[in-house]
Amino acid sequence: MTGMLSNQVVLITGAASGIGAGTARRFADEGAKIVLADVQDEQGEQLCAELQAGGAAALYVNCDVSDAASVESAVQADLERFGRIDIVFANAGINGVWAPIEELTPQEWARTLDTNLTGTYLTVHFTVPHLKRAGGGSIIITSSVNGTRTFSNPGASAYSSSKAAQVAFMKMMALELGQHSIRCNAVCPGRIDTNIGERTEPRDVEKIGIKVELPLGNPALHHGRGDMEQVADVCLFLASDLGRHVSGVELFVDGGASLLR
């Protein structure tokens, strides 16, 4: 442990699994106090117990980021336990339904946007007053290469739109909040080994007729495959003093694979 985040209080949404869990472990190793916010209660409580067993101060709270009252309640639980917020990782998101646009229902579109985009807004909305009170801080948003550098996943119109909008929102926040010493950046992971793909709901995507074939011997780093620890290391850079002069930037964590598409 090097203590790069010693005594910093971090709120992480979507923290119970995947990139959120990997980043929680990484930040805890650096001395941070961790608030885990998610709707997966069993996994969240298990991770919280794991962090506490390792000597970290940690709290799990149930939080549906698409619901304003739920996000506000999670922030209040953080304050009641730790009294402040220094770092916000707006990571919660879903792939949702991938389908031809004429088959994607308004309800399916709204569910993806409500979680990915509105959830990011609500997380920032309710935490910014406390970051200002702390004298500054760092906001990190999990976007994606989809919608920002690649557009080759058939049927992912809602998902890609939400991810592109997150980057636009991040840039607006970087300008708005810089005067308060609050930095805002985004990570854009590519093919990362998590379980989010298992929750993708594809439907009739073959009708769209888009097929992408990468060249033999994919030249990207690690053939374009990454893991949550690699994303967590980038988040650590953005959260810590190493990234103290970095704001308004989207960092692609995909080994360069999206340059091929």
Protein backbone atom coordinates (compact mmCIF):
# COMPACT_ATOMS: atom_id res chain seq x y z
CA MET A 1 0.00 0.00 0.00
CA THR A 2 1.39 3.39 -0.99
CA GLY A 3 -1.44 5.45 0.47
CA MET A 4 -2.11 7.55 -2.62
CA LEU A 5 -5.71 8.00 -1.43
CA SER A 6 -5.17 7.94 2.32
CA ASN A 7 -8.28 9.07 4.21
CA GLN A 8 -10.06 10.05 0.99
CA VAL A 9 -13.74 9.12 0.93
CA VAL A 10 -14.84 7.52 -2.34
CA LEU A 11 -18.41 6.91 -3.48
CA ILE A 12 -18.65 4.24 -6.18
CA THR A 13 -21.89 3.38 -7.97
CA GLY A 14 -22.26 0.00 -9.60
CA ALA A 15 -19.68 -1.11 -7.05
CA ALA A 16 -20.73 -4.68 -6.36
CA SER A 17 -19.15 -6.27 -9.43
CA GLY A 18 -17.00 -5.70 -12.48
CA ILE A 19 -15.09 -2.46 -12.90
CA GLY A 20 -16.73 -0.95 -9.82
CA ALA A 21 -15.59 -3.80 -7.57
CA GLY A 22 -12.11 -3.87 -9.07
CA THR A 23 -11.72 -0.14 -8.54
CA ALA A 24 -13.06 -0.37 -4.99
CA ARG A 25 -10.36 -2.93 -4.16
CA ARG A 26 -7.66 -0.81 -5.81
CA PHE A 27 -8.73 2.36 -4.02
CA ALA A 28 -8.97 0.54 -0.68
CA ASP A 29 -5.40 -0.69 -1.16
CA GLU A 30 -4.41 2.97 -1.46
CA GLY A 31 -6.00 3.88 1.87
CA ALA A 32 -9.37 5.21 0.72
CA LYS A 33 -12.60 4.87 2.66
CA ILE A 34 -15.09 3.22 0.32
CA VAL A 35 -18.85 3.64 -0.04
CA LEU A 36 -20.17 0.86 -2.26
CA ALA A 37 -23.50 1.72 -3.92
CA ASP A 38 -25.39 -0.88 -5.95
CA VAL A 39 -28.65 -2.79 -6.27
CA GLN A 40 -26.91 -6.17 -5.96
CA ASP A 41 -27.16 -6.42 -2.20
CA GLU A 42 -25.61 -9.84 -1.65
CA GLN A 43 -22.55 -9.13 -3.79
CA GLY A 44 -22.23 -5.64 -2.35
CA GLU A 45 -22.31 -6.85 1.24
CA GLN A 46 -19.76 -9.57 0.44
CA LEU A 47 -17.38 -7.06 -1.10
CA CYS A 48 -17.86 -4.71 1.84
CA ALA A 49 -16.97 -7.53 4.26
CA GLU A 50 -13.93 -8.39 2.14
CA LEU A 51 -12.66 -4.81 2.21
CA GLN A 52 -13.24 -4.51 5.95
CA ALA A 53 -11.42 -7.80 6.56
CA GLY A 54 -8.47 -6.31 4.69
CA GLY A 55 -8.42 -3.32 7.01
CA ALA A 56 -10.33 -0.81 4.90
CA ALA A 57 -13.17 1.39 6.11
CA ALA A 58 -16.12 0.44 3.91
CA LEU A 59 -19.89 0.80 3.74
CA TYR A 60 -22.43 -0.80 1.42
CA VAL A 61 -25.67 1.00 0.53
CA ASN A 62 -28.47 -0.09 -1.78
CA CYS A 63 -28.74 2.46 -4.57
CA ASP A 64 -30.71 2.53 -7.81
CA VAL A 65 -28.99 5.32 -9.76
CA SER A 66 -32.04 5.90 -11.95
CA ASP A 67 -34.04 6.97 -8.88
CA ALA A 68 -33.30 10.41 -7.42
CA ALA A 69 -34.43 9.56 -3.89
CA SER A 70 -32.28 6.43 -3.87
CA VAL A 71 -29.15 8.33 -4.93
CA GLU A 72 -29.79 11.09 -2.44
CA SER A 73 -30.21 8.48 0.30
CA ALA A 74 -26.91 6.82 -0.63
CA VAL A 75 -25.10 10.14 -0.45
CA GLN A 76 -26.67 10.83 2.94
CA ALA A 77 -25.52 7.41 4.21
CA ASP A 78 -22.00 8.30 3.11
CA LEU A 79 -22.11 11.57 5.02
CA GLU A 80 -23.52 9.97 8.13
CA ARG A 81 -20.72 7.40 8.17
CA PHE A 82 -17.71 9.35 6.91
CA GLY A 83 -18.77 13.01 6.98
CA ARG A 84 -17.45 13.95 3.54
CA ILE A 85 -16.96 12.97 -0.09
CA ASP A 86 -13.69 13.47 -1.97
CA ILE A 87 -13.96 11.21 -5.01
CA VAL A 88 -17.01 10.14 -7.00
CA PHE A 89 -16.91 7.21 -9.41
CA ALA A 90 -20.16 7.28 -11.43
CA ASN A 91 -19.74 3.77 -12.75
CA ALA A 92 -23.20 2.16 -12.67
CA GLY A 93 -24.56 1.19 -16.05
CA ILE A 94 -26.33 -1.43 -18.14
CA ASN A 95 -25.97 -2.66 -21.70
CA GLY A 96 -29.74 -3.01 -21.94
CA VAL A 97 -31.54 -4.22 -25.04
CA TRP A 98 -29.71 -4.28 -28.37
CA ALA A 99 -32.23 -4.46 -31.21
CA PRO A 100 -33.15 -2.90 -34.56
CA ILE A 101 -34.40 0.62 -33.98
CA GLU A 102 -37.95 -0.17 -35.13
CA GLU A 103 -38.09 -3.01 -32.61
CA LEU A 104 -36.45 -1.21 -29.69
CA THR A 105 -39.38 -0.08 -27.55
CA PRO A 106 -39.61 3.36 -25.94
CA GLN A 107 -39.55 1.64 -22.54
CA GLU A 108 -36.32 -0.21 -23.40
CA TRP A 109 -34.70 2.98 -24.69
CA ALA A 110 -35.74 4.85 -21.54
CA ARG A 111 -34.43 2.15 -19.18
CA THR A 112 -30.94 2.32 -20.71
CA LEU A 113 -30.84 6.13 -20.75
CA ASP A 114 -32.33 6.38 -17.25
CA THR A 115 -29.62 4.15 -15.81
CA ASN A 116 -26.58 5.21 -17.80
CA LEU A 117 -27.15 8.91 -18.40
CA THR A 118 -29.69 10.08 -15.85
CA GLY A 119 -27.93 7.92 -13.27
CA THR A 120 -24.68 9.74 -13.98
CA TYR A 121 -26.41 13.11 -13.72
CA LEU A 122 -28.08 12.20 -10.40
CA THR A 123 -24.82 10.91 -8.93
CA VAL A 124 -23.02 14.14 -9.82
CA HIS A 125 -25.99 16.34 -8.88
CA PHE A 126 -26.19 15.04 -5.33
CA THR A 127 -22.45 14.80 -4.66
CA VAL A 128 -21.14 18.08 -6.07
CA PRO A 129 -22.27 20.23 -3.09
CA HIS A 130 -20.20 17.99 -0.82
CA LEU A 131 -17.17 18.02 -3.11
CA LYS A 132 -17.34 21.83 -3.03
CA ARG A 133 -17.59 21.73 0.75
CA ALA A 134 -14.50 19.51 0.86
CA GLY A 135 -12.58 22.09 -1.15
CA GLY A 136 -12.45 20.08 -4.39
CA GLY A 137 -12.22 16.53 -5.60
CA SER A 138 -12.41 14.20 -8.55
CA ILE A 139 -15.36 12.86 -10.52
CA ILE A 140 -14.82 9.86 -12.79
CA ILE A 141 -17.50 8.60 -15.18
CA THR A 142 -17.51 5.18 -16.81
CA SER A 143 -18.36 5.66 -20.48
CA SER A 144 -17.27 3.23 -23.22
CA VAL A 145 -15.53 3.00 -26.56
CA ASN A 146 -19.05 2.36 -27.91
CA GLY A 147 -20.62 5.62 -28.97
CA THR A 148 -17.37 7.53 -28.58
CA ARG A 149 -14.92 5.78 -30.91
CA THR A 150 -16.71 2.70 -32.26
CA PHE A 151 -20.18 2.30 -33.75
CA SER A 152 -20.00 -1.27 -34.98
CA ASN A 153 -22.18 -3.11 -32.46
CA PRO A 154 -25.50 -3.71 -34.21
CA GLY A 155 -28.56 -2.71 -32.24
CA ALA A 156 -26.67 -0.76 -29.57
CA SER A 157 -28.30 2.56 -30.37
CA ALA A 158 -29.56 3.28 -26.84
CA TYR A 159 -26.35 2.13 -25.18
CA SER A 160 -24.04 4.00 -27.56
CA SER A 161 -26.15 7.16 -27.30
CA SER A 162 -25.98 7.06 -23.51
CA LYS A 163 -22.21 6.59 -23.56
CA ALA A 164 -21.63 9.45 -25.99
CA ALA A 165 -23.85 11.69 -23.88
CA GLN A 166 -21.88 10.82 -20.74
CA VAL A 167 -18.72 12.18 -22.37
CA ALA A 168 -20.48 15.41 -23.36
CA PHE A 169 -21.81 15.73 -19.81
CA MET A 170 -18.32 15.13 -18.41
CA LYS A 171 -16.84 17.93 -20.51
CA MET A 172 -19.56 20.34 -19.39
CA MET A 173 -18.89 19.43 -15.76
CA ALA A 174 -15.14 19.88 -16.18
CA LEU A 175 -15.70 23.47 -17.27
CA GLU A 176 -18.42 24.23 -14.75
CA LEU A 177 -16.64 22.77 -11.74
CA GLY A 178 -13.00 23.59 -12.42
CA GLN A 179 -13.29 26.89 -10.55
CA HIS A 180 -14.15 24.82 -7.47
CA SER A 181 -11.06 22.59 -7.85
CA ILE A 182 -13.24 19.68 -8.94
CA ARG A 183 -11.91 17.63 -11.84
CA CYS A 184 -14.18 15.55 -14.07
CA ASN A 185 -12.99 12.87 -16.47
CA ALA A 186 -14.23 9.68 -18.10
CA VAL A 187 -12.82 6.24 -18.67
CA CYS A 188 -13.87 4.50 -21.88
CA PRO A 189 -13.21 0.78 -21.52
CA GLY A 190 -13.20 -1.58 -24.45
CA ARG A 191 -13.44 -5.35 -24.14
CA ILE A 192 -13.01 -5.84 -20.41
CA ASP A 193 -13.54 -9.19 -18.71
CA THR A 194 -16.60 -8.48 -16.54
CA ASN A 195 -20.06 -10.01 -16.37
CA ILE A 196 -21.93 -7.06 -17.94
CA GLY A 197 -22.03 -8.86 -21.28
CA GLU A 198 -24.06 -11.63 -19.69
CA ARG A 199 -26.77 -9.08 -18.99
CA THR A 200 -26.92 -7.74 -22.54
CA GLU A 201 -30.30 -8.43 -24.13
CA PRO A 202 -29.76 -8.85 -27.91
CA ARG A 203 -32.85 -9.24 -30.06
CA ASP A 204 -32.90 -9.77 -33.83
CA VAL A 205 -29.59 -7.93 -34.28
CA GLU A 206 -28.74 -10.19 -37.22
CA LYS A 207 -31.46 -8.36 -39.18
CA ILE A 208 -29.37 -5.20 -39.15
CA GLY A 209 -26.74 -6.82 -41.35
CA ILE A 210 -23.61 -5.25 -39.83
CA LYS A 211 -20.68 -7.60 -39.43
CA VAL A 212 -17.20 -6.53 -38.42
CA GLU A 213 -14.23 -8.81 -38.98
CA LEU A 214 -10.91 -7.74 -37.48
CA PRO A 215 -7.75 -8.60 -39.43
CA LEU A 216 -5.81 -11.72 -38.60
CA GLY A 217 -3.29 -11.08 -35.88
CA ASN A 218 -5.15 -8.26 -34.12
CA PRO A 219 -2.37 -5.70 -33.54
CA ALA A 220 -3.97 -4.14 -30.45
CA LEU A 221 -2.31 -4.61 -27.07
CA HIS A 222 -3.28 -7.97 -25.56
CA HIS A 223 -5.45 -8.53 -28.66
CA GLY A 224 -7.82 -5.89 -27.34
CA ARG A 225 -8.77 -7.80 -24.21
CA GLY A 226 -8.38 -6.20 -20.80
CA ASP A 227 -9.36 -6.71 -17.18
CA MET A 228 -10.95 -4.62 -14.48
CA GLU A 229 -7.62 -4.06 -12.73
CA GLN A 230 -6.30 -2.21 -15.77
CA VAL A 231 -9.31 0.09 -15.71
CA ALA A 232 -8.91 0.53 -11.94
CA ASP A 233 -5.32 1.72 -12.41
CA VAL A 234 -6.49 4.41 -14.84
CA CYS A 235 -9.16 5.43 -12.35
CA LEU A 236 -6.51 5.67 -9.64
CA PHE A 237 -4.53 8.07 -11.83
CA LEU A 238 -7.61 10.24 -12.34
CA ALA A 239 -8.62 10.12 -8.67
CA SER A 240 -5.20 10.83 -7.17
CA ASP A 241 -2.78 13.73 -7.29
CA LEU A 242 -1.11 12.08 -10.27
CA GLY A 243 -4.01 13.45 -12.32
CA ARG A 244 -4.23 16.78 -10.53
CA HIS A 245 -4.02 18.80 -13.78
CA VAL A 246 -6.22 16.50 -15.87
CA SER A 247 -9.86 17.41 -16.42
CA GLY A 248 -12.33 17.18 -19.27
CA VAL A 249 -10.63 14.13 -20.78
CA GLU A 250 -11.91 10.74 -21.91
CA LEU A 251 -9.29 8.00 -21.58
CA PHE A 252 -9.70 4.91 -23.76
CA VAL A 253 -8.76 1.70 -21.95
CA ASP A 254 -8.83 -0.84 -24.75
CA GLY A 255 -5.25 -1.45 -25.84
CA GLY A 256 -5.92 0.56 -28.99
CA ALA A 257 -8.42 -1.96 -30.32
CA SER A 258 -11.07 0.64 -31.13
CA LEU A 259 -8.70 2.28 -33.62
CA LEU A 260 -9.40 -0.66 -35.92
CA ARG A 261 -13.14 -0.13 -36.11
